[in-house]
PDB file of N, CA and C in Angstrom:
ATOM      1  N   MET A   1      47.644  32.994  93.886  1.00  0.00           N
ATOM      2  CA  MET A   1      46.274  32.820  94.350  1.00  0.00           C
ATOM      3  C   MET A   1      46.166  33.346  95.780  1.00  0.00           C
ATOM      4  N   ASN A   2      45.107  34.074  96.067  1.00  0.00           N
ATOM      5  CA  ASN A   2      44.912  34.607  97.404  1.00  0.00           C
ATOM      6  C   ASN A   2      44.579  33.503  98.382  1.00  0.00           C
ATOM      7  N   LYS A   3      45.102  33.636  99.591  1.00  0.00           N
ATOM      8  CA  LYS A   3      44.745  32.690 100.654  1.00  0.00           C
ATOM      9  C   LYS A   3      43.403  33.101 101.232  1.00  0.00           C
ATOM     10  N   ILE A   4      42.523  32.151 101.380  1.00  0.00           N
ATOM     11  CA  ILE A   4      41.219  32.399 101.981  1.00  0.00           C
ATOM     12  C   ILE A   4      41.156  31.629 103.282  1.00  0.00           C
ATOM     13  N   ARG A   5      40.768  32.329 104.331  1.00  0.00           N
ATOM     14  CA  ARG A   5      40.626  31.661 105.616  1.00  0.00           C
ATOM     15  C   ARG A   5      39.479  30.670 105.531  1.00  0.00           C
ATOM     16  N   ARG A   6      39.756  29.452 105.880  1.00  0.00           N
ATOM     17  CA  ARG A   6      38.744  28.394 105.821  1.00  0.00           C
ATOM     18  C   ARG A   6      37.795  28.513 107.009  1.00  0.00           C
ATOM     19  N   SER A   7      36.547  28.194 106.763  1.00  0.00           N
ATOM     20  CA  SER A   7      35.561  28.247 107.838  1.00  0.00           C
ATOM     21  C   SER A   7      35.763  27.085 108.794  1.00  0.00           C
ATOM     22  N   GLY A   8      35.471  27.333 110.032  1.00  0.00           N
ATOM     23  CA  GLY A   8      35.627  26.312 111.057  1.00  0.00           C
ATOM     24  C   GLY A   8      34.405  25.423 111.158  1.00  0.00           C
ATOM     25  N   GLU A   9      34.556  24.346 111.860  1.00  0.00           N
ATOM     26  CA  GLU A   9      33.444  23.412 112.090  1.00  0.00           C
ATOM     27  C   GLU A   9      32.285  24.170 112.735  1.00  0.00           C
ATOM     28  N   GLY A  10      31.094  24.001 112.202  1.00  0.00           N
ATOM     29  CA  GLY A  10      29.918  24.634 112.767  1.00  0.00           C
ATOM     30  C   GLY A  10      29.699  26.061 112.297  1.00  0.00           C
ATOM     31  N   SER A  11      30.581  26.589 111.486  1.00  0.00           N
ATOM     32  CA  SER A  11      30.450  27.953 110.981  1.00  0.00           C
ATOM     33  C   SER A  11      29.336  28.010 109.944  1.00  0.00           C
ATOM     34  N   ASN A  12      28.784  29.208 109.734  1.00  0.00           N
ATOM     35  CA  ASN A  12      27.764  29.354 108.704  1.00  0.00           C
ATOM     36  C   ASN A  12      28.350  29.984 107.443  1.00  0.00           C
ATOM     37  N   MET A  13      29.644  29.803 107.234  1.00  0.00           N
ATOM     38  CA  MET A  13      30.309  30.250 106.020  1.00  0.00           C
ATOM     39  C   MET A  13      30.777  29.022 105.248  1.00  0.00           C
ATOM     40  N   LEU A  14      30.756  29.160 103.923  1.00  0.00           N
ATOM     41  CA  LEU A  14      31.331  28.115 103.077  1.00  0.00           C
ATOM     42  C   LEU A  14      32.264  28.784 102.085  1.00  0.00           C
ATOM     43  N   ILE A  15      33.128  27.991 101.499  1.00  0.00           N
ATOM     44  CA  ILE A  15      33.999  28.478 100.438  1.00  0.00           C
ATOM     45  C   ILE A  15      33.430  27.948  99.123  1.00  0.00           C
ATOM     46  N   LEU A  16      33.037  28.870  98.270  1.00  0.00           N
ATOM     47  CA  LEU A  16      32.465  28.548  96.971  1.00  0.00           C
ATOM     48  C   LEU A  16      33.589  28.585  95.943  1.00  0.00           C
ATOM     49  N   SER A  17      33.841  27.451  95.300  1.00  0.00           N
ATOM     50  CA  SER A  17      34.894  27.358  94.282  1.00  0.00           C
ATOM     51  C   SER A  17      34.249  27.316  92.909  1.00  0.00           C
ATOM     52  N   THR A  18      34.465  28.385  92.145  1.00  0.00           N
ATOM     53  CA  THR A  18      33.911  28.507  90.802  1.00  0.00           C
ATOM     54  C   THR A  18      35.053  28.680  89.804  1.00  0.00           C
ATOM     55  N   VAL A  19      34.696  28.737  88.538  1.00  0.00           N
ATOM     56  CA  VAL A  19      35.649  29.056  87.473  1.00  0.00           C
ATOM     57  C   VAL A  19      35.185  30.360  86.851  1.00  0.00           C
ATOM     58  N   GLY A  20      36.084  31.328  86.725  1.00  0.00           N
ATOM     59  CA  GLY A  20      35.733  32.611  86.125  1.00  0.00           C
ATOM     60  C   GLY A  20      35.185  32.430  84.728  1.00  0.00           C
ATOM     61  N   ARG A  21      34.017  32.970  84.473  1.00  0.00           N
ATOM     62  CA  ARG A  21      33.360  32.773  83.172  1.00  0.00           C
ATOM     63  C   ARG A  21      34.123  33.446  82.048  1.00  0.00           C
ATOM     64  N   LYS A  22      34.861  34.499  82.338  1.00  0.00           N
ATOM     65  CA  LYS A  22      35.654  35.183  81.313  1.00  0.00           C
ATOM     66  C   LYS A  22      37.107  34.719  81.326  1.00  0.00           C
ATOM     67  N   SER A  23      37.672  34.594  82.524  1.00  0.00           N
ATOM     68  CA  SER A  23      39.104  34.282  82.643  1.00  0.00           C
ATOM     69  C   SER A  23      39.405  32.795  82.554  1.00  0.00           C
ATOM     70  N   GLY A  24      38.438  31.958  82.965  1.00  0.00           N
ATOM     71  CA  GLY A  24      38.693  30.526  83.051  1.00  0.00           C
ATOM     72  C   GLY A  24      39.539  30.159  84.257  1.00  0.00           C
ATOM     73  N   GLU A  25      39.837  31.138  85.101  1.00  0.00           N
ATOM     74  CA  GLU A  25      40.667  30.914  86.289  1.00  0.00           C
ATOM     75  C   GLU A  25      39.810  30.449  87.466  1.00  0.00           C
ATOM     76  N   PRO A  26      40.363  29.587  88.325  1.00  0.00           N
ATOM     77  CA  PRO A  26      39.620  29.173  89.523  1.00  0.00           C
ATOM     78  C   PRO A  26      39.438  30.353  90.472  1.00  0.00           C
ATOM     79  N   ARG A  27      38.283  30.407  91.086  1.00  0.00           N
ATOM     80  CA  ARG A  27      37.939  31.468  92.034  1.00  0.00           C
ATOM     81  C   ARG A  27      37.403  30.827  93.305  1.00  0.00           C
ATOM     82  N   GLN A  28      37.778  31.389  94.434  1.00  0.00           N
ATOM     83  CA  GLN A  28      37.245  30.927  95.718  1.00  0.00           C
ATOM     84  C   GLN A  28      36.689  32.131  96.467  1.00  0.00           C
ATOM     85  N   THR A  29      35.452  31.978  96.943  1.00  0.00           N
ATOM     86  CA  THR A  29      34.757  33.071  97.599  1.00  0.00           C
ATOM     87  C   THR A  29      34.085  32.574  98.871  1.00  0.00           C
ATOM     88  N   PRO A  30      34.333  33.228 100.013  1.00  0.00           N
ATOM     89  CA  PRO A  30      33.572  32.879 101.213  1.00  0.00           C
ATOM     90  C   PRO A  30      32.154  33.442 101.101  1.00  0.00           C
ATOM     91  N   VAL A  31      31.172  32.609 101.407  1.00  0.00           N
ATOM     92  CA  VAL A  31      29.764  32.994 101.280  1.00  0.00           C
ATOM     93  C   VAL A  31      29.015  32.482 102.505  1.00  0.00           C
ATOM     94  N   ARG A  32      28.125  33.308 103.026  1.00  0.00           N
ATOM     95  CA  ARG A  32      27.257  32.884 104.126  1.00  0.00           C
ATOM     96  C   ARG A  32      26.230  31.897 103.586  1.00  0.00           C
ATOM     97  N   TRP A  33      25.955  30.839 104.353  1.00  0.00           N
ATOM     98  CA  TRP A  33      24.961  29.860 103.914  1.00  0.00           C
ATOM     99  C   TRP A  33      23.876  29.705 104.970  1.00  0.00           C
ATOM    100  N   PHE A  34      22.747  29.172 104.510  1.00  0.00           N
ATOM    101  CA  PHE A  34      21.582  28.897 105.352  1.00  0.00           C
ATOM    102  C   PHE A  34      21.094  27.497 105.007  1.00  0.00           C
ATOM    103  N   PRO A  35      20.488  26.787 105.959  1.00  0.00           N
ATOM    104  CA  PRO A  35      19.965  25.444 105.646  1.00  0.00           C
ATOM    105  C   PRO A  35      18.934  25.508 104.525  1.00  0.00           C
ATOM    106  N   GLY A  36      19.100  24.631 103.545  1.00  0.00           N
ATOM    107  CA  GLY A  36      18.200  24.620 102.398  1.00  0.00           C
ATOM    108  C   GLY A  36      17.203  23.487 102.419  1.00  0.00           C
ATOM    109  N   GLY A  37      17.292  22.640 103.425  1.00  0.00           N
ATOM    110  CA  GLY A  37      16.404  21.480 103.485  1.00  0.00           C
ATOM    111  C   GLY A  37      16.912  20.357 102.610  1.00  0.00           C
ATOM    112  N   GLU A  38      16.612  19.143 102.999  1.00  0.00           N
ATOM    113  CA  GLU A  38      16.981  17.942 102.246  1.00  0.00           C
ATOM    114  C   GLU A  38      18.469  17.911 101.892  1.00  0.00           C
ATOM    115  N   GLY A  39      19.315  18.319 102.858  1.00  0.00           N
ATOM    116  CA  GLY A  39      20.757  18.227 102.668  1.00  0.00           C
ATOM    117  C   GLY A  39      21.355  19.251 101.732  1.00  0.00           C
ATOM    118  N   SER A  40      20.681  20.383 101.541  1.00  0.00           N
ATOM    119  CA  SER A  40      21.206  21.420 100.656  1.00  0.00           C
ATOM    120  C   SER A  40      21.510  22.689 101.449  1.00  0.00           C
ATOM    121  N   TRP A  41      22.160  23.628 100.769  1.00  0.00           N
ATOM    122  CA  TRP A  41      22.536  24.905 101.365  1.00  0.00           C
ATOM    123  C   TRP A  41      21.964  26.017 100.508  1.00  0.00           C
ATOM    124  N   LEU A  42      21.519  27.098 101.152  1.00  0.00           N
ATOM    125  CA  LEU A  42      21.058  28.274 100.436  1.00  0.00           C
ATOM    126  C   LEU A  42      22.104  29.366 100.553  1.00  0.00           C
ATOM    127  N   ILE A  43      22.357  30.069  99.450  1.00  0.00           N
ATOM    128  CA  ILE A  43      23.238  31.223  99.464  1.00  0.00           C
ATOM    129  C   ILE A  43      22.526  32.368  98.750  1.00  0.00           C
ATOM    130  N   VAL A  44      22.925  33.595  99.081  1.00  0.00           N
ATOM    131  CA  VAL A  44      22.292  34.786  98.516  1.00  0.00           C
ATOM    132  C   VAL A  44      23.341  35.621  97.798  1.00  0.00           C
ATOM    133  N   ALA A  45      23.054  36.012  96.569  1.00  0.00           N
ATOM    134  CA  ALA A  45      23.951  36.893  95.814  1.00  0.00           C
ATOM    135  C   ALA A  45      23.641  38.334  96.198  1.00  0.00           C
ATOM    136  N   SER A  46      23.961  38.687  97.440  1.00  0.00           N
ATOM    137  CA  SER A  46      23.579  39.996  97.967  1.00  0.00           C
ATOM    138  C   SER A  46      24.557  41.104  97.600  1.00  0.00           C
ATOM    139  N   ALA A  47      25.849  40.808  97.545  1.00  0.00           N
ATOM    140  CA  ALA A  47      26.882  41.821  97.326  1.00  0.00           C
ATOM    141  C   ALA A  47      26.689  42.979  98.307  1.00  0.00           C
ATOM    142  N   ASN A  48      26.214  42.654  99.500  1.00  0.00           N
ATOM    143  CA  ASN A  48      25.961  43.646 100.554  1.00  0.00           C
ATOM    144  C   ASN A  48      25.058  44.789 100.095  1.00  0.00           C
ATOM    145  N   GLY A  49      24.164  44.507  99.159  1.00  0.00           N
ATOM    146  CA  GLY A  49      23.211  45.508  98.697  1.00  0.00           C
ATOM    147  C   GLY A  49      23.712  46.363  97.545  1.00  0.00           C
ATOM    148  N   ALA A  50      24.806  45.985  96.907  1.00  0.00           N
ATOM    149  CA  ALA A  50      25.316  46.733  95.748  1.00  0.00           C
ATOM    150  C   ALA A  50      24.295  46.695  94.602  1.00  0.00           C
ATOM    151  N   ALA A  51      24.462  47.592  93.656  1.00  0.00           N
ATOM    152  CA  ALA A  51      23.523  47.692  92.535  1.00  0.00           C
ATOM    153  C   ALA A  51      23.519  46.448  91.647  1.00  0.00           C
ATOM    154  N   GLY A  52      24.643  45.733  91.576  1.00  0.00           N
ATOM    155  CA  GLY A  52      24.729  44.556  90.723  1.00  0.00           C
ATOM    156  C   GLY A  52      25.051  43.299  91.503  1.00  0.00           C
ATOM    157  N   ASN A  53      24.820  42.170  90.875  1.00  0.00           N
ATOM    158  CA  ASN A  53      25.139  40.880  91.491  1.00  0.00           C
ATOM    159  C   ASN A  53      26.652  40.700  91.578  1.00  0.00           C
ATOM    160  N   PRO A  54      27.109  39.913  92.549  1.00  0.00           N
ATOM    161  CA  PRO A  54      28.551  39.662  92.664  1.00  0.00           C
ATOM    162  C   PRO A  54      29.056  38.781  91.511  1.00  0.00           C
ATOM    163  N   ALA A  55      30.346  38.860  91.243  1.00  0.00           N
ATOM    164  CA  ALA A  55      30.952  38.104  90.138  1.00  0.00           C
ATOM    165  C   ALA A  55      30.697  36.613  90.276  1.00  0.00           C
ATOM    166  N   TRP A  56      30.738  36.085  91.512  1.00  0.00           N
ATOM    167  CA  TRP A  56      30.554  34.644  91.672  1.00  0.00           C
ATOM    168  C   TRP A  56      29.182  34.197  91.168  1.00  0.00           C
ATOM    169  N   TYR A  57      28.188  35.072  91.241  1.00  0.00           N
ATOM    170  CA  TYR A  57      26.852  34.732  90.754  1.00  0.00           C
ATOM    171  C   TYR A  57      26.893  34.439  89.242  1.00  0.00           C
ATOM    172  N   PHE A  58      27.588  35.278  88.494  1.00  0.00           N
ATOM    173  CA  PHE A  58      27.680  35.093  87.045  1.00  0.00           C
ATOM    174  C   PHE A  58      28.515  33.859  86.710  1.00  0.00           C
ATOM    175  N   ASN A  59      29.535  33.581  87.537  1.00  0.00           N
ATOM    176  CA  ASN A  59      30.318  32.361  87.342  1.00  0.00           C
ATOM    177  C   ASN A  59      29.441  31.125  87.542  1.00  0.00           C
ATOM    178  N   LEU A  60      28.573  31.165  88.551  1.00  0.00           N
ATOM    179  CA  LEU A  60      27.651  30.039  88.801  1.00  0.00           C
ATOM    180  C   LEU A  60      26.634  29.901  87.667  1.00  0.00           C
ATOM    181  N   ALA A  61      26.149  31.019  87.149  1.00  0.00           N
ATOM    182  CA  ALA A  61      25.188  30.971  86.051  1.00  0.00           C
ATOM    183  C   ALA A  61      25.820  30.309  84.820  1.00  0.00           C
ATOM    184  N   ALA A  62      27.103  30.589  84.595  1.00  0.00           N
ATOM    185  CA  ALA A  62      27.797  30.017  83.444  1.00  0.00           C
ATOM    186  C   ALA A  62      28.143  28.551  83.656  1.00  0.00           C
ATOM    187  N   GLN A  63      28.435  28.168  84.889  1.00  0.00           N
ATOM    188  CA  GLN A  63      28.822  26.785  85.211  1.00  0.00           C
ATOM    189  C   GLN A  63      28.263  26.442  86.599  1.00  0.00           C
ATOM    190  N   PRO A  64      27.044  25.891  86.669  1.00  0.00           N
ATOM    191  CA  PRO A  64      26.400  25.641  87.965  1.00  0.00           C
ATOM    192  C   PRO A  64      26.943  24.440  88.746  1.00  0.00           C
ATOM    193  N   GLU A  65      27.779  23.612  88.116  1.00  0.00           N
ATOM    194  CA  GLU A  65      28.368  22.482  88.844  1.00  0.00           C
ATOM    195  C   GLU A  65      29.699  22.950  89.429  1.00  0.00           C
ATOM    196  N   VAL A  66      29.712  23.101  90.762  1.00  0.00           N
ATOM    197  CA  VAL A  66      30.874  23.648  91.452  1.00  0.00           C
ATOM    198  C   VAL A  66      31.189  22.829  92.696  1.00  0.00           C
ATOM    199  N   THR A  67      32.202  23.274  93.410  1.00  0.00           N
ATOM    200  CA  THR A  67      32.602  22.621  94.652  1.00  0.00           C
ATOM    201  C   THR A  67      32.499  23.629  95.782  1.00  0.00           C
ATOM    202  N   ILE A  68      32.083  23.146  96.948  1.00  0.00           N
ATOM    203  CA  ILE A  68      32.087  23.978  98.147  1.00  0.00           C
ATOM    204  C   ILE A  68      32.880  23.282  99.244  1.00  0.00           C
ATOM    205  N   GLU A  69      33.445  24.077 100.116  1.00  0.00           N
ATOM    206  CA  GLU A  69      34.031  23.581 101.352  1.00  0.00           C
ATOM    207  C   GLU A  69      33.133  24.081 102.466  1.00  0.00           C
ATOM    208  N   VAL A  70      32.569  23.147 103.213  1.00  0.00           N
ATOM    209  CA  VAL A  70      31.616  23.517 104.251  1.00  0.00           C
ATOM    210  C   VAL A  70      31.758  22.552 105.426  1.00  0.00           C
ATOM    211  N   GLN A  71      31.817  23.106 106.616  1.00  0.00           N
ATOM    212  CA  GLN A  71      31.901  22.310 107.839  1.00  0.00           C
ATOM    213  C   GLN A  71      32.979  21.238 107.762  1.00  0.00           C
ATOM    214  N   GLY A  72      34.150  21.620 107.260  1.00  0.00           N
ATOM    215  CA  GLY A  72      35.295  20.723 107.262  1.00  0.00           C
ATOM    216  C   GLY A  72      35.332  19.683 106.157  1.00  0.00           C
ATOM    217  N   ARG A  73      34.481  19.781 105.158  1.00  0.00           N
ATOM    218  CA  ARG A  73      34.509  18.808 104.065  1.00  0.00           C
ATOM    219  C   ARG A  73      34.279  19.499 102.736  1.00  0.00           C
ATOM    220  N   THR A  74      34.649  18.811 101.687  1.00  0.00           N
ATOM    221  CA  THR A  74      34.486  19.311 100.327  1.00  0.00           C
ATOM    222  C   THR A  74      33.349  18.543  99.663  1.00  0.00           C
ATOM    223  N   VAL A  75      32.416  19.288  99.043  1.00  0.00           N
ATOM    224  CA  VAL A  75      31.230  18.679  98.444  1.00  0.00           C
ATOM    225  C   VAL A  75      31.044  19.238  97.030  1.00  0.00           C
ATOM    226  N   GLN A  76      30.823  18.366  96.073  1.00  0.00           N
ATOM    227  CA  GLN A  76      30.471  18.786  94.720  1.00  0.00           C
ATOM    228  C   GLN A  76      28.968  19.033  94.685  1.00  0.00           C
ATOM    229  N   VAL A  77      28.583  20.218  94.188  1.00  0.00           N
ATOM    230  CA  VAL A  77      27.175  20.614  94.208  1.00  0.00           C
ATOM    231  C   VAL A  77      26.745  21.158  92.852  1.00  0.00           C
ATOM    232  N   ILE A  78      25.434  21.237  92.697  1.00  0.00           N
ATOM    233  CA  ILE A  78      24.816  21.909  91.549  1.00  0.00           C
ATOM    234  C   ILE A  78      24.018  23.082  92.110  1.00  0.00           C
ATOM    235  N   ALA A  79      24.228  24.266  91.538  1.00  0.00           N
ATOM    236  CA  ALA A  79      23.521  25.470  91.966  1.00  0.00           C
ATOM    237  C   ALA A  79      22.267  25.669  91.121  1.00  0.00           C
ATOM    238  N   THR A  80      21.164  25.971  91.806  1.00  0.00           N
ATOM    239  CA  THR A  80      19.899  26.249  91.145  1.00  0.00           C
ATOM    240  C   THR A  80      19.328  27.527  91.733  1.00  0.00           C
ATOM    241  N   GLN A  81      18.975  28.476  90.866  1.00  0.00           N
ATOM    242  CA  GLN A  81      18.379  29.711  91.356  1.00  0.00           C
ATOM    243  C   GLN A  81      16.908  29.480  91.651  1.00  0.00           C
ATOM    244  N   LEU A  82      16.470  29.929  92.818  1.00  0.00           N
ATOM    245  CA  LEU A  82      15.073  29.770  93.216  1.00  0.00           C
ATOM    246  C   LEU A  82      14.237  30.904  92.635  1.00  0.00           C
ATOM    247  N   ALA A  83      12.964  30.614  92.376  1.00  0.00           N
ATOM    248  CA  ALA A  83      12.047  31.613  91.818  1.00  0.00           C
ATOM    249  C   ALA A  83      10.672  31.438  92.448  1.00  0.00           C
ATOM    250  N   GLY A  84       9.860  32.447  92.308  1.00  0.00           N
ATOM    251  CA  GLY A  84       8.463  32.383  92.734  1.00  0.00           C
ATOM    252  C   GLY A  84       8.290  32.094  94.208  1.00  0.00           C
ATOM    253  N   ALA A  85       7.297  31.259  94.506  1.00  0.00           N
ATOM    254  CA  ALA A  85       6.954  30.947  95.891  1.00  0.00           C
ATOM    255  C   ALA A  85       8.111  30.269  96.626  1.00  0.00           C
ATOM    256  N   GLU A  86       8.869  29.448  95.907  1.00  0.00           N
ATOM    257  CA  GLU A  86      10.015  28.770  96.537  1.00  0.00           C
ATOM    258  C   GLU A  86      11.063  29.790  96.981  1.00  0.00           C
ATOM    259  N   ARG A  87      11.331  30.786  96.150  1.00  0.00           N
ATOM    260  CA  ARG A  87      12.291  31.833  96.509  1.00  0.00           C
ATOM    261  C   ARG A  87      11.754  32.655  97.681  1.00  0.00           C
ATOM    262  N   GLU A  88      10.473  33.008  97.625  1.00  0.00           N
ATOM    263  CA  GLU A  88       9.885  33.829  98.687  1.00  0.00           C
ATOM    264  C   GLU A  88       9.930  33.118 100.044  1.00  0.00           C
ATOM    265  N   ALA A  89       9.633  31.823 100.061  1.00  0.00           N
ATOM    266  CA  ALA A  89       9.695  31.068 101.317  1.00  0.00           C
ATOM    267  C   ALA A  89      11.122  31.000 101.843  1.00  0.00           C
ATOM    268  N   ALA A  90      12.079  30.758 100.955  1.00  0.00           N
ATOM    269  CA  ALA A  90      13.490  30.716 101.366  1.00  0.00           C
ATOM    270  C   ALA A  90      13.934  32.088 101.860  1.00  0.00           C
ATOM    271  N   TRP A  91      13.531  33.150 101.165  1.00  0.00           N
ATOM    272  CA  TRP A  91      13.912  34.508 101.546  1.00  0.00           C
ATOM    273  C   TRP A  91      13.368  34.853 102.933  1.00  0.00           C
ATOM    274  N   ALA A  92      12.145  34.440 103.221  1.00  0.00           N
ATOM    275  CA  ALA A  92      11.556  34.690 104.542  1.00  0.00           C
ATOM    276  C   ALA A  92      12.375  33.995 105.632  1.00  0.00           C
ATOM    277  N   ARG A  93      12.819  32.759 105.382  1.00  0.00           N
ATOM    278  CA  ARG A  93      13.649  32.039 106.367  1.00  0.00           C
ATOM    279  C   ARG A  93      15.012  32.721 106.527  1.00  0.00           C
ATOM    280  N   ILE A  94      15.586  33.153 105.415  1.00  0.00           N
ATOM    281  CA  ILE A  94      16.901  33.790 105.453  1.00  0.00           C
ATOM    282  C   ILE A  94      16.844  35.100 106.227  1.00  0.00           C
ATOM    283  N   THR A  95      15.864  35.942 105.928  1.00  0.00           N
ATOM    284  CA  THR A  95      15.793  37.239 106.603  1.00  0.00           C
ATOM    285  C   THR A  95      15.376  37.103 108.064  1.00  0.00           C
ATOM    286  N   ALA A  96      14.636  36.054 108.404  1.00  0.00           N
ATOM    287  CA  ALA A  96      14.318  35.801 109.812  1.00  0.00           C
ATOM    288  C   ALA A  96      15.580  35.400 110.574  1.00  0.00           C
ATOM    289  N   ALA A  97      16.428  34.594 109.946  1.00  0.00           N
ATOM    290  CA  ALA A  97      17.664  34.138 110.587  1.00  0.00           C
ATOM    291  C   ALA A  97      18.737  35.225 110.595  1.00  0.00           C
ATOM    292  N   SER A  98      18.719  36.093 109.594  1.00  0.00           N
ATOM    293  CA  SER A  98      19.765  37.100 109.431  1.00  0.00           C
ATOM    294  C   SER A  98      19.152  38.380 108.851  1.00  0.00           C
ATOM    295  N   PRO A  99      18.584  39.238 109.710  1.00  0.00           N
ATOM    296  CA  PRO A  99      17.864  40.432 109.231  1.00  0.00           C
ATOM    297  C   PRO A  99      18.693  41.384 108.372  1.00  0.00           C
ATOM    298  N   GLN A 100      20.023  41.331 108.461  1.00  0.00           N
ATOM    299  CA  GLN A 100      20.813  42.248 107.625  1.00  0.00           C
ATOM    300  C   GLN A 100      20.573  42.003 106.143  1.00  0.00           C
ATOM    301  N   PHE A 101      20.151  40.792 105.747  1.00  0.00           N
ATOM    302  CA  PHE A 101      19.881  40.541 104.337  1.00  0.00           C
ATOM    303  C   PHE A 101      18.682  41.350 103.846  1.00  0.00           C
ATOM    304  N   ALA A 102      17.687  41.571 104.702  1.00  0.00           N
ATOM    305  CA  ALA A 102      16.566  42.450 104.337  1.00  0.00           C
ATOM    306  C   ALA A 102      17.084  43.872 104.149  1.00  0.00           C
ATOM    307  N   GLY A 103      18.040  44.280 104.969  1.00  0.00           N
ATOM    308  CA  GLY A 103      18.656  45.599 104.813  1.00  0.00           C
ATOM    309  C   GLY A 103      19.417  45.727 103.512  1.00  0.00           C
ATOM    310  N   TYR A 104      20.109  44.661 103.115  1.00  0.00           N
ATOM    311  CA  TYR A 104      20.813  44.689 101.833  1.00  0.00           C
ATOM    312  C   TYR A 104      19.824  44.906 100.696  1.00  0.00           C
ATOM    313  N   GLU A 105      18.676  44.215 100.778  1.00  0.00           N
ATOM    314  CA  GLU A 105      17.694  44.319  99.708  1.00  0.00           C
ATOM    315  C   GLU A 105      17.101  45.724  99.636  1.00  0.00           C
ATOM    316  N   ARG A 106      16.952  46.392 100.798  1.00  0.00           N
ATOM    317  CA  ARG A 106      16.415  47.757 100.806  1.00  0.00           C
ATOM    318  C   ARG A 106      17.392  48.748 100.168  1.00  0.00           C
ATOM    319  N   LYS A 107      18.680  48.410 100.124  1.00  0.00           N
ATOM    320  CA  LYS A 107      19.698  49.309  99.575  1.00  0.00           C
ATOM    321  C   LYS A 107      19.750  49.291  98.049  1.00  0.00           C
ATOM    322  N   THR A 108      19.043  48.385  97.410  1.00  0.00           N
ATOM    323  CA  THR A 108      19.157  48.226  95.953  1.00  0.00           C
ATOM    324  C   THR A 108      17.783  48.038  95.316  1.00  0.00           C
ATOM    325  N   ASP A 109      17.733  48.220  94.013  1.00  0.00           N
ATOM    326  CA  ASP A 109      16.487  48.008  93.273  1.00  0.00           C
ATOM    327  C   ASP A 109      16.334  46.579  92.783  1.00  0.00           C
ATOM    328  N   ARG A 110      17.396  45.780  92.864  1.00  0.00           N
ATOM    329  CA  ARG A 110      17.330  44.425  92.315  1.00  0.00           C
ATOM    330  C   ARG A 110      16.816  43.432  93.360  1.00  0.00           C
ATOM    331  N   GLU A 111      16.218  42.349  92.874  1.00  0.00           N
ATOM    332  CA  GLU A 111      15.844  41.255  93.759  1.00  0.00           C
ATOM    333  C   GLU A 111      17.086  40.410  94.001  1.00  0.00           C
ATOM    334  N   MET A 112      17.365  40.120  95.263  1.00  0.00           N
ATOM    335  CA  MET A 112      18.536  39.320  95.609  1.00  0.00           C
ATOM    336  C   MET A 112      18.339  37.879  95.136  1.00  0.00           C
ATOM    337  N   PRO A 113      19.212  37.379  94.260  1.00  0.00           N
ATOM    338  CA  PRO A 113      19.104  35.977  93.854  1.00  0.00           C
ATOM    339  C   PRO A 113      19.389  35.038  95.041  1.00  0.00           C
ATOM    340  N   VAL A 114      18.540  34.045  95.199  1.00  0.00           N
ATOM    341  CA  VAL A 114      18.728  33.004  96.209  1.00  0.00           C
ATOM    342  C   VAL A 114      19.000  31.713  95.439  1.00  0.00           C
ATOM    343  N   LEU A 115      20.091  31.054  95.804  1.00  0.00           N
ATOM    344  CA  LEU A 115      20.488  29.827  95.101  1.00  0.00           C
ATOM    345  C   LEU A 115      20.566  28.655  96.066  1.00  0.00           C
ATOM    346  N   ARG A 116      20.099  27.514  95.599  1.00  0.00           N
ATOM    347  CA  ARG A 116      20.210  26.270  96.368  1.00  0.00           C
ATOM    348  C   ARG A 116      21.396  25.485  95.827  1.00  0.00           C
ATOM    349  N   LEU A 117      22.257  25.043  96.735  1.00  0.00           N
ATOM    350  CA  LEU A 117      23.394  24.192  96.390  1.00  0.00           C
ATOM    351  C   LEU A 117      23.045  22.782  96.832  1.00  0.00           C
ATOM    352  N   THR A 118      22.876  21.895  95.864  1.00  0.00           N
ATOM    353  CA  THR A 118      22.464  20.515  96.136  1.00  0.00           C
ATOM    354  C   THR A 118      23.623  19.572  95.816  1.00  0.00           C
ATOM    355  N   PRO A 119      23.975  18.663  96.726  1.00  0.00           N
ATOM    356  CA  PRO A 119      25.067  17.719  96.433  1.00  0.00           C
ATOM    357  C   PRO A 119      24.804  16.929  95.160  1.00  0.00           C
ATOM    358  N   ARG A 120      25.861  16.751  94.350  1.00  0.00           N
ATOM    359  CA  ARG A 120      25.717  15.974  93.119  1.00  0.00           C
ATOM    360  C   ARG A 120      25.640  14.485  93.434  1.00  0.00           C
ATOM    361  N   GLU A 121      26.183  14.082  94.559  1.00  0.00           N
ATOM    362  CA  GLU A 121      26.115  12.687  94.997  1.00  0.00           C
ATOM    363  C   GLU A 121      25.053  12.596  96.097  1.00  0.00           C
ATOM    364  N   PRO A 122      24.009  11.805  95.924  1.00  0.00           N
ATOM    365  CA  PRO A 122      22.999  11.647  96.958  1.00  0.00           C
ATOM    366  C   PRO A 122      23.639  11.245  98.292  1.00  0.00           C
ATOM    367  N   GLY A 123      23.175  11.876  99.358  1.00  0.00           N
ATOM    368  CA  GLY A 123      23.674  11.544 100.691  1.00  0.00           C
ATOM    369  C   GLY A 123      25.009  12.179 101.028  1.00  0.00           C
ATOM    370  N   ALA A 124      25.526  13.075 100.181  1.00  0.00           N
ATOM    371  CA  ALA A 124      26.826  13.700 100.432  1.00  0.00           C
ATOM    372  C   ALA A 124      26.737  14.860 101.402  1.00  0.00           C
ATOM    373  N   ALA A 125      25.540  15.368 101.658  1.00  0.00           N
ATOM    374  CA  ALA A 125      25.405  16.523 102.533  1.00  0.00           C
ATOM    375  C   ALA A 125      25.619  16.190 103.982  1.00  0.00           C
TER     376      ALA A 125
END
């Protein structure tokens, strides 16, 4: 298994732990996060503007109950893809905080999926 550098306290990176939808093997991916409100985190399946979504996105679609490591703790979460006005509002906040995400979207024809990670245990965030 590859070693992944863990994010430090206060970092805006998290480690997303999924299970490969084809392999069944555990996968860990560092992902940039943004505040999602009400104790949740937002992540974007940007793949830096590649033509297709990253593998972790498909792993989440197959099994949305996953674990993240964020700000020095491990949290069990459920991933939900945002749509419509909710996605647009989140996207506006994300691109205001990190304009490179708007650049990623300009590089591709696909809409960047925005996902909310919500703790499975109330108050765990």
